[in-house]
Amino acid sequence: MKFMFNTLTTIVFFSGIFQTIQAWQTSFQLTGKTLVLGNVSYFVSPTPVSQLNIGGDANVSSALTTTASDFGGEIIPLTVILTSNISFGQSQFEATVNSFKASDDVFSESFLA
């Protein structure tokens, strides 16, 4: 009788492992990340919305490679300010930042650090 009890226990044990293995085979999909900047959480989609073309500038390429390494090959924080002005100096920069502060509910001065 003891032998049959041990056999039954073994079968239940293996059955439990089999069911666990089936759960491990469930597929999953990365749906993004949450990052914190300036004590505010931001969702980052796993799909890029744009691509930065740095051309053939070796200095820029080297700087970006170093920065990517510093961030472990993950997301590199970058703020892009578009302008149609031929020149873009300190006063235009300050005006743009003030405009963002007034009209953009997501913009944070932490983006400028």
N, C-alpha and C. Protein backbone atom coordinates (compact mmCIF):
# COMPACT_ATOMS: atom_id res chain seq x y z
N MET A 1 0.81 -1.19 0.00
CA MET A 1 0.00 0.00 0.00
C MET A 1 0.86 1.26 0.00
N LYS A 2 1.96 1.21 0.72
CA LYS A 2 2.87 2.35 0.76
C LYS A 2 3.44 2.64 -0.63
N PHE A 3 3.77 1.64 -1.38
CA PHE A 3 4.31 1.81 -2.74
C PHE A 3 3.32 2.54 -3.63
N MET A 4 2.08 2.20 -3.58
CA MET A 4 1.06 2.84 -4.42
C MET A 4 0.88 4.30 -4.02
N PHE A 5 0.98 4.59 -2.73
CA PHE A 5 0.85 5.97 -2.28
C PHE A 5 1.99 6.83 -2.84
N ASN A 6 3.21 6.30 -2.80
CA ASN A 6 4.36 7.02 -3.34
C ASN A 6 4.23 7.22 -4.84
N THR A 7 3.76 6.23 -5.54
CA THR A 7 3.56 6.33 -6.98
C THR A 7 2.53 7.40 -7.29
N LEU A 8 1.43 7.41 -6.55
CA LEU A 8 0.39 8.40 -6.76
C LEU A 8 0.93 9.81 -6.48
N THR A 9 1.71 9.96 -5.44
CA THR A 9 2.31 11.25 -5.12
C THR A 9 3.23 11.69 -6.24
N THR A 10 4.01 10.79 -6.80
CA THR A 10 4.93 11.11 -7.88
C THR A 10 4.16 11.55 -9.11
N ILE A 11 3.08 10.89 -9.43
CA ILE A 11 2.28 11.26 -10.59
C ILE A 11 1.69 12.65 -10.41
N VAL A 12 1.19 12.95 -9.23
CA VAL A 12 0.64 14.28 -8.96
C VAL A 12 1.74 15.32 -9.06
N PHE A 13 2.92 15.02 -8.53
CA PHE A 13 4.05 15.93 -8.59
C PHE A 13 4.43 16.23 -10.03
N PHE A 14 4.58 15.21 -10.86
CA PHE A 14 4.92 15.41 -12.27
C PHE A 14 3.82 16.16 -12.99
N SER A 15 2.59 15.87 -12.63
CA SER A 15 1.48 16.57 -13.26
C SER A 15 1.55 18.06 -12.94
N GLY A 16 1.93 18.40 -11.71
CA GLY A 16 2.08 19.81 -11.33
C GLY A 16 3.19 20.48 -12.11
N ILE A 17 4.30 19.80 -12.33
CA ILE A 17 5.39 20.36 -13.12
C ILE A 17 4.93 20.57 -14.56
N PHE A 18 4.22 19.63 -15.10
CA PHE A 18 3.74 19.73 -16.47
C PHE A 18 2.83 20.96 -16.63
N GLN A 19 1.95 21.17 -15.68
CA GLN A 19 1.05 22.32 -15.77
C GLN A 19 1.84 23.62 -15.64
N THR A 20 2.84 23.65 -14.79
CA THR A 20 3.67 24.84 -14.64
C THR A 20 4.42 25.14 -15.94
N ILE A 21 4.96 24.11 -16.58
CA ILE A 21 5.66 24.29 -17.84
C ILE A 21 4.73 24.87 -18.89
N GLN A 22 3.50 24.41 -18.92
CA GLN A 22 2.54 24.95 -19.86
C GLN A 22 2.34 26.46 -19.64
N ALA A 23 2.31 26.89 -18.38
CA ALA A 23 2.15 28.31 -18.08
C ALA A 23 3.36 29.10 -18.57
N TRP A 24 4.55 28.52 -18.47
CA TRP A 24 5.75 29.21 -18.91
C TRP A 24 5.78 29.39 -20.42
N GLN A 25 5.06 28.57 -21.14
CA GLN A 25 5.07 28.66 -22.59
C GLN A 25 4.11 29.74 -23.10
N THR A 26 3.39 30.40 -22.22
CA THR A 26 2.50 31.46 -22.62
C THR A 26 3.32 32.61 -23.18
N SER A 27 2.92 33.14 -24.32
CA SER A 27 3.69 34.22 -24.93
C SER A 27 3.32 35.55 -24.27
N PHE A 28 4.24 36.49 -24.35
CA PHE A 28 3.98 37.83 -23.84
C PHE A 28 4.54 38.84 -24.82
N GLN A 29 4.12 40.07 -24.65
CA GLN A 29 4.54 41.12 -25.55
C GLN A 29 4.91 42.36 -24.73
N LEU A 30 6.07 42.94 -25.01
CA LEU A 30 6.48 44.16 -24.34
C LEU A 30 5.57 45.29 -24.79
N THR A 31 4.93 45.95 -23.84
CA THR A 31 3.97 47.00 -24.19
C THR A 31 4.47 48.38 -23.82
N GLY A 32 5.71 48.49 -23.42
CA GLY A 32 6.28 49.79 -23.10
C GLY A 32 6.93 49.79 -21.74
N LYS A 33 7.37 50.97 -21.35
CA LYS A 33 8.03 51.16 -20.07
C LYS A 33 7.49 52.43 -19.43
N THR A 34 7.67 52.51 -18.14
CA THR A 34 7.35 53.74 -17.44
C THR A 34 8.65 54.29 -16.89
N LEU A 35 8.94 55.52 -17.22
CA LEU A 35 10.14 56.20 -16.75
C LEU A 35 9.74 57.36 -15.85
N VAL A 36 10.60 57.68 -14.91
CA VAL A 36 10.34 58.80 -14.01
C VAL A 36 11.39 59.87 -14.26
N LEU A 37 10.92 61.08 -14.50
CA LEU A 37 11.80 62.23 -14.72
C LEU A 37 11.22 63.40 -13.94
N GLY A 38 12.01 63.96 -13.04
CA GLY A 38 11.51 65.09 -12.25
C GLY A 38 10.30 64.73 -11.41
N ASN A 39 10.27 63.52 -10.87
CA ASN A 39 9.16 63.01 -10.03
C ASN A 39 7.84 62.86 -10.79
N VAL A 40 7.90 62.81 -12.10
CA VAL A 40 6.71 62.59 -12.92
C VAL A 40 6.94 61.32 -13.74
N SER A 41 5.93 60.45 -13.77
CA SER A 41 6.02 59.20 -14.54
C SER A 41 5.57 59.43 -15.97
N TYR A 42 6.32 58.86 -16.92
CA TYR A 42 6.00 58.97 -18.33
C TYR A 42 5.98 57.57 -18.94
N PHE A 43 4.97 57.29 -19.76
CA PHE A 43 4.90 56.02 -20.49
C PHE A 43 5.71 56.17 -21.77
N VAL A 44 6.54 55.17 -22.05
CA VAL A 44 7.32 55.15 -23.27
C VAL A 44 6.91 53.91 -24.07
N SER A 45 6.38 54.15 -25.25
CA SER A 45 5.95 53.06 -26.12
C SER A 45 7.15 52.23 -26.57
N PRO A 46 6.94 50.93 -26.80
CA PRO A 46 8.05 50.10 -27.29
C PRO A 46 8.36 50.34 -28.76
N THR A 47 7.50 51.08 -29.44
CA THR A 47 7.69 51.34 -30.87
C THR A 47 8.15 52.78 -31.07
N PRO A 48 9.32 52.98 -31.66
CA PRO A 48 9.79 54.36 -31.90
C PRO A 48 8.85 55.12 -32.83
N VAL A 49 8.71 56.41 -32.57
CA VAL A 49 7.85 57.24 -33.42
C VAL A 49 8.68 58.02 -34.44
N SER A 50 10.00 58.00 -34.27
CA SER A 50 10.86 58.72 -35.18
C SER A 50 12.27 58.13 -35.10
N GLN A 51 13.13 58.64 -35.97
CA GLN A 51 14.51 58.18 -35.99
C GLN A 51 15.40 59.40 -36.16
N LEU A 52 16.48 59.43 -35.42
CA LEU A 52 17.43 60.53 -35.49
C LEU A 52 18.51 60.18 -36.50
N ASN A 53 18.63 60.99 -37.54
CA ASN A 53 19.66 60.78 -38.55
C ASN A 53 20.80 61.75 -38.26
N ILE A 54 21.95 61.22 -37.87
CA ILE A 54 23.07 62.09 -37.50
C ILE A 54 24.04 62.30 -38.66
N GLY A 55 23.76 61.69 -39.78
CA GLY A 55 24.64 61.85 -40.94
C GLY A 55 26.01 61.27 -40.69
N GLY A 56 27.01 61.88 -41.28
CA GLY A 56 28.36 61.34 -41.18
C GLY A 56 29.24 62.06 -40.17
N ASP A 57 28.65 62.84 -39.27
CA ASP A 57 29.44 63.59 -38.29
C ASP A 57 30.02 62.63 -37.25
N ALA A 58 31.34 62.41 -37.31
CA ALA A 58 32.00 61.45 -36.42
C ALA A 58 31.93 61.89 -34.96
N ASN A 59 32.00 63.19 -34.70
CA ASN A 59 31.93 63.67 -33.31
C ASN A 59 30.56 63.40 -32.69
N VAL A 60 29.51 63.66 -33.46
CA VAL A 60 28.16 63.41 -32.97
C VAL A 60 27.96 61.91 -32.77
N SER A 61 28.40 61.12 -33.72
CA SER A 61 28.28 59.67 -33.62
C SER A 61 29.00 59.14 -32.38
N SER A 62 30.20 59.64 -32.14
CA SER A 62 30.98 59.21 -30.98
C SER A 62 30.28 59.61 -29.68
N ALA A 63 29.76 60.83 -29.63
CA ALA A 63 29.07 61.30 -28.43
C ALA A 63 27.81 60.47 -28.16
N LEU A 64 27.05 60.15 -29.21
CA LEU A 64 25.84 59.35 -29.04
C LEU A 64 26.17 57.91 -28.63
N THR A 65 27.25 57.37 -29.17
CA THR A 65 27.67 56.02 -28.79
C THR A 65 28.05 55.98 -27.32
N THR A 66 28.78 56.99 -26.86
CA THR A 66 29.16 57.08 -25.45
C THR A 66 27.92 57.22 -24.58
N THR A 67 26.99 58.08 -24.99
CA THR A 67 25.76 58.29 -24.23
C THR A 67 24.93 57.01 -24.18
N ALA A 68 24.81 56.32 -25.30
CA ALA A 68 24.06 55.06 -25.34
C ALA A 68 24.68 54.05 -24.39
N SER A 69 26.00 54.01 -24.34
CA SER A 69 26.69 53.11 -23.44
C SER A 69 26.40 53.48 -21.99
N ASP A 70 26.39 54.78 -21.69
CA ASP A 70 26.09 55.24 -20.33
C ASP A 70 24.69 54.82 -19.89
N PHE A 71 23.77 54.74 -20.83
CA PHE A 71 22.40 54.36 -20.52
C PHE A 71 22.14 52.87 -20.77
N GLY A 72 23.19 52.10 -20.90
CA GLY A 72 23.05 50.65 -21.05
C GLY A 72 22.37 50.25 -22.34
N GLY A 73 22.46 51.06 -23.38
CA GLY A 73 21.84 50.72 -24.65
C GLY A 73 20.33 50.88 -24.64
N GLU A 74 19.81 51.43 -23.56
CA GLU A 74 18.36 51.63 -23.44
C GLU A 74 17.97 52.98 -24.03
N ILE A 75 16.92 53.53 -23.54
CA ILE A 75 16.40 54.81 -24.02
C ILE A 75 17.37 55.92 -23.66
N ILE A 76 17.65 56.79 -24.61
CA ILE A 76 18.50 57.95 -24.39
C ILE A 76 17.60 59.17 -24.28
N PRO A 77 17.64 59.85 -23.13
CA PRO A 77 16.79 61.04 -23.01
C PRO A 77 17.28 62.14 -23.95
N LEU A 78 16.36 62.70 -24.71
CA LEU A 78 16.72 63.70 -25.71
C LEU A 78 15.54 64.64 -25.90
N THR A 79 15.80 65.92 -25.88
CA THR A 79 14.76 66.91 -26.15
C THR A 79 15.07 67.58 -27.48
N VAL A 80 14.10 67.60 -28.36
CA VAL A 80 14.26 68.22 -29.68
C VAL A 80 13.34 69.43 -29.74
N ILE A 81 13.91 70.55 -30.14
CA ILE A 81 13.12 71.77 -30.32
C ILE A 81 13.22 72.16 -31.79
N LEU A 82 12.09 72.04 -32.47
CA LEU A 82 12.05 72.39 -33.89
C LEU A 82 11.89 73.89 -34.06
N THR A 83 12.50 74.42 -35.08
CA THR A 83 12.35 75.84 -35.40
C THR A 83 12.46 76.04 -36.90
N SER A 84 11.79 77.07 -37.37
CA SER A 84 11.93 77.43 -38.78
C SER A 84 12.82 78.67 -38.91
N ASN A 85 13.34 79.17 -37.78
CA ASN A 85 14.21 80.35 -37.80
C ASN A 85 15.57 79.98 -38.39
N ILE A 86 16.16 80.95 -39.08
CA ILE A 86 17.50 80.75 -39.63
C ILE A 86 18.52 80.73 -38.49
N SER A 87 18.32 81.61 -37.51
CA SER A 87 19.20 81.60 -36.33
C SER A 87 18.33 81.32 -35.11
N PHE A 88 18.93 80.69 -34.13
CA PHE A 88 18.19 80.31 -32.93
C PHE A 88 19.11 80.56 -31.74
N GLY A 89 18.94 81.71 -31.12
CA GLY A 89 19.79 82.10 -30.00
C GLY A 89 19.08 81.95 -28.67
N GLN A 90 19.69 82.53 -27.65
CA GLN A 90 19.18 82.42 -26.29
C GLN A 90 17.76 82.96 -26.15
N SER A 91 17.48 84.11 -26.76
CA SER A 91 16.14 84.70 -26.62
C SER A 91 15.06 83.84 -27.28
N GLN A 92 15.37 83.26 -28.45
CA GLN A 92 14.41 82.36 -29.10
C GLN A 92 14.21 81.09 -28.27
N PHE A 93 15.30 80.61 -27.69
CA PHE A 93 15.21 79.42 -26.83
C PHE A 93 14.31 79.68 -25.62
N GLU A 94 14.54 80.80 -24.94
CA GLU A 94 13.73 81.15 -23.77
C GLU A 94 12.26 81.35 -24.14
N ALA A 95 12.01 81.98 -25.28
CA ALA A 95 10.63 82.19 -25.74
C ALA A 95 9.95 80.84 -26.03
N THR A 96 10.71 79.93 -26.63
CA THR A 96 10.16 78.60 -26.94
C THR A 96 9.84 77.84 -25.65
N VAL A 97 10.77 77.87 -24.70
CA VAL A 97 10.54 77.19 -23.43
C VAL A 97 9.33 77.78 -22.71
N ASN A 98 9.21 79.11 -22.69
CA ASN A 98 8.06 79.76 -22.05
C ASN A 98 6.76 79.39 -22.75
N SER A 99 6.80 79.27 -24.07
CA SER A 99 5.62 78.85 -24.82
C SER A 99 5.23 77.42 -24.45
N PHE A 100 6.22 76.53 -24.35
CA PHE A 100 5.96 75.15 -23.95
C PHE A 100 5.34 75.11 -22.56
N LYS A 101 5.90 75.87 -21.63
CA LYS A 101 5.38 75.90 -20.26
C LYS A 101 3.92 76.33 -20.22
N ALA A 102 3.57 77.30 -21.07
CA ALA A 102 2.22 77.85 -21.08
C ALA A 102 1.21 76.96 -21.78
N SER A 103 1.64 76.20 -22.78
CA SER A 103 0.66 75.49 -23.61
C SER A 103 0.76 73.97 -23.60
N ASP A 104 1.84 73.40 -23.08
CA ASP A 104 2.04 71.96 -23.16
C ASP A 104 1.92 71.34 -21.77
N ASP A 105 0.90 70.53 -21.56
CA ASP A 105 0.66 69.94 -20.24
C ASP A 105 1.65 68.84 -19.89
N VAL A 106 2.47 68.40 -20.82
CA VAL A 106 3.44 67.34 -20.56
C VAL A 106 4.85 67.91 -20.37
N PHE A 107 5.12 69.08 -20.92
CA PHE A 107 6.47 69.64 -20.86
C PHE A 107 6.89 69.90 -19.42
N SER A 108 8.14 69.62 -19.15
CA SER A 108 8.73 69.85 -17.84
C SER A 108 10.12 70.44 -18.02
N GLU A 109 10.52 71.32 -17.12
CA GLU A 109 11.88 71.87 -17.19
C GLU A 109 12.91 70.75 -17.02
N SER A 110 12.50 69.62 -16.47
CA SER A 110 13.42 68.47 -16.34
C SER A 110 13.88 68.00 -17.71
N PHE A 111 13.09 68.27 -18.76
CA PHE A 111 13.50 67.88 -20.11
C PHE A 111 14.75 68.63 -20.56
N LEU A 112 15.03 69.76 -19.93
CA LEU A 112 16.14 70.60 -20.35
C LEU A 112 17.44 70.26 -19.63
N ALA A 113 17.37 69.40 -18.63
CA ALA A 113 18.57 69.06 -17.84
C ALA A 113 19.45 68.09 -18.61
